[in-house]
Amino acid sequence: MQKRREVNPPSRAMTEDVGQLACGSSEDWEVSINQTLGARPHYALELDGPREYIRFRLINRQTVGLIHDYLSRVAGVANVSDDGSLVIGATGQSQVLLAWDDEFADRCFLIVGHGSNTLVRITFLERDVQAIREALSQALSDMAT
């Protein structure tokens, strides 16, 4: 009998008790920021769109603001790499990053993996970026209270 292997085992941070910290929605997009309830909290972002859903661990709580600023094209966003991408978290052993398209200025990608190890690439068009940015604004407002 062949033994089943779990393809993407959940990280320790994602298997602890979790509570919703903040949320927001705009157009067809919903954003939820979750926090583990342990002594050392970890944060996760759920992004639910019209055709896609992804959940991943954030680097830290401040990453939510960095994502918002990056999608708003604020100059001088911290932690942007030389290639213009922004690492925002991880899922399993793969990093999650945002990168603006170098071909079409109104397109942004959410990428799981990197380079030749890219597992998933989700394309956000300008309308998606605007809606996600608005949903993130609402979540950031929740986080401030």
Foldseek 3Di string as FASTA:
>chain_A
DDDDDDPFDFDPLVPAAKDWQFKFFFDFKIKTWIWHPDPDIWIKIWIDGPPDIDIFTFPHPCLLVLLLCLLVVPPPRPQQDPQRKHFTGAGRPWTWIKHQDPPDRQKIWTWTHDDPGTDDIDIDGNVRSVGVSRGSVRRVVSNVD
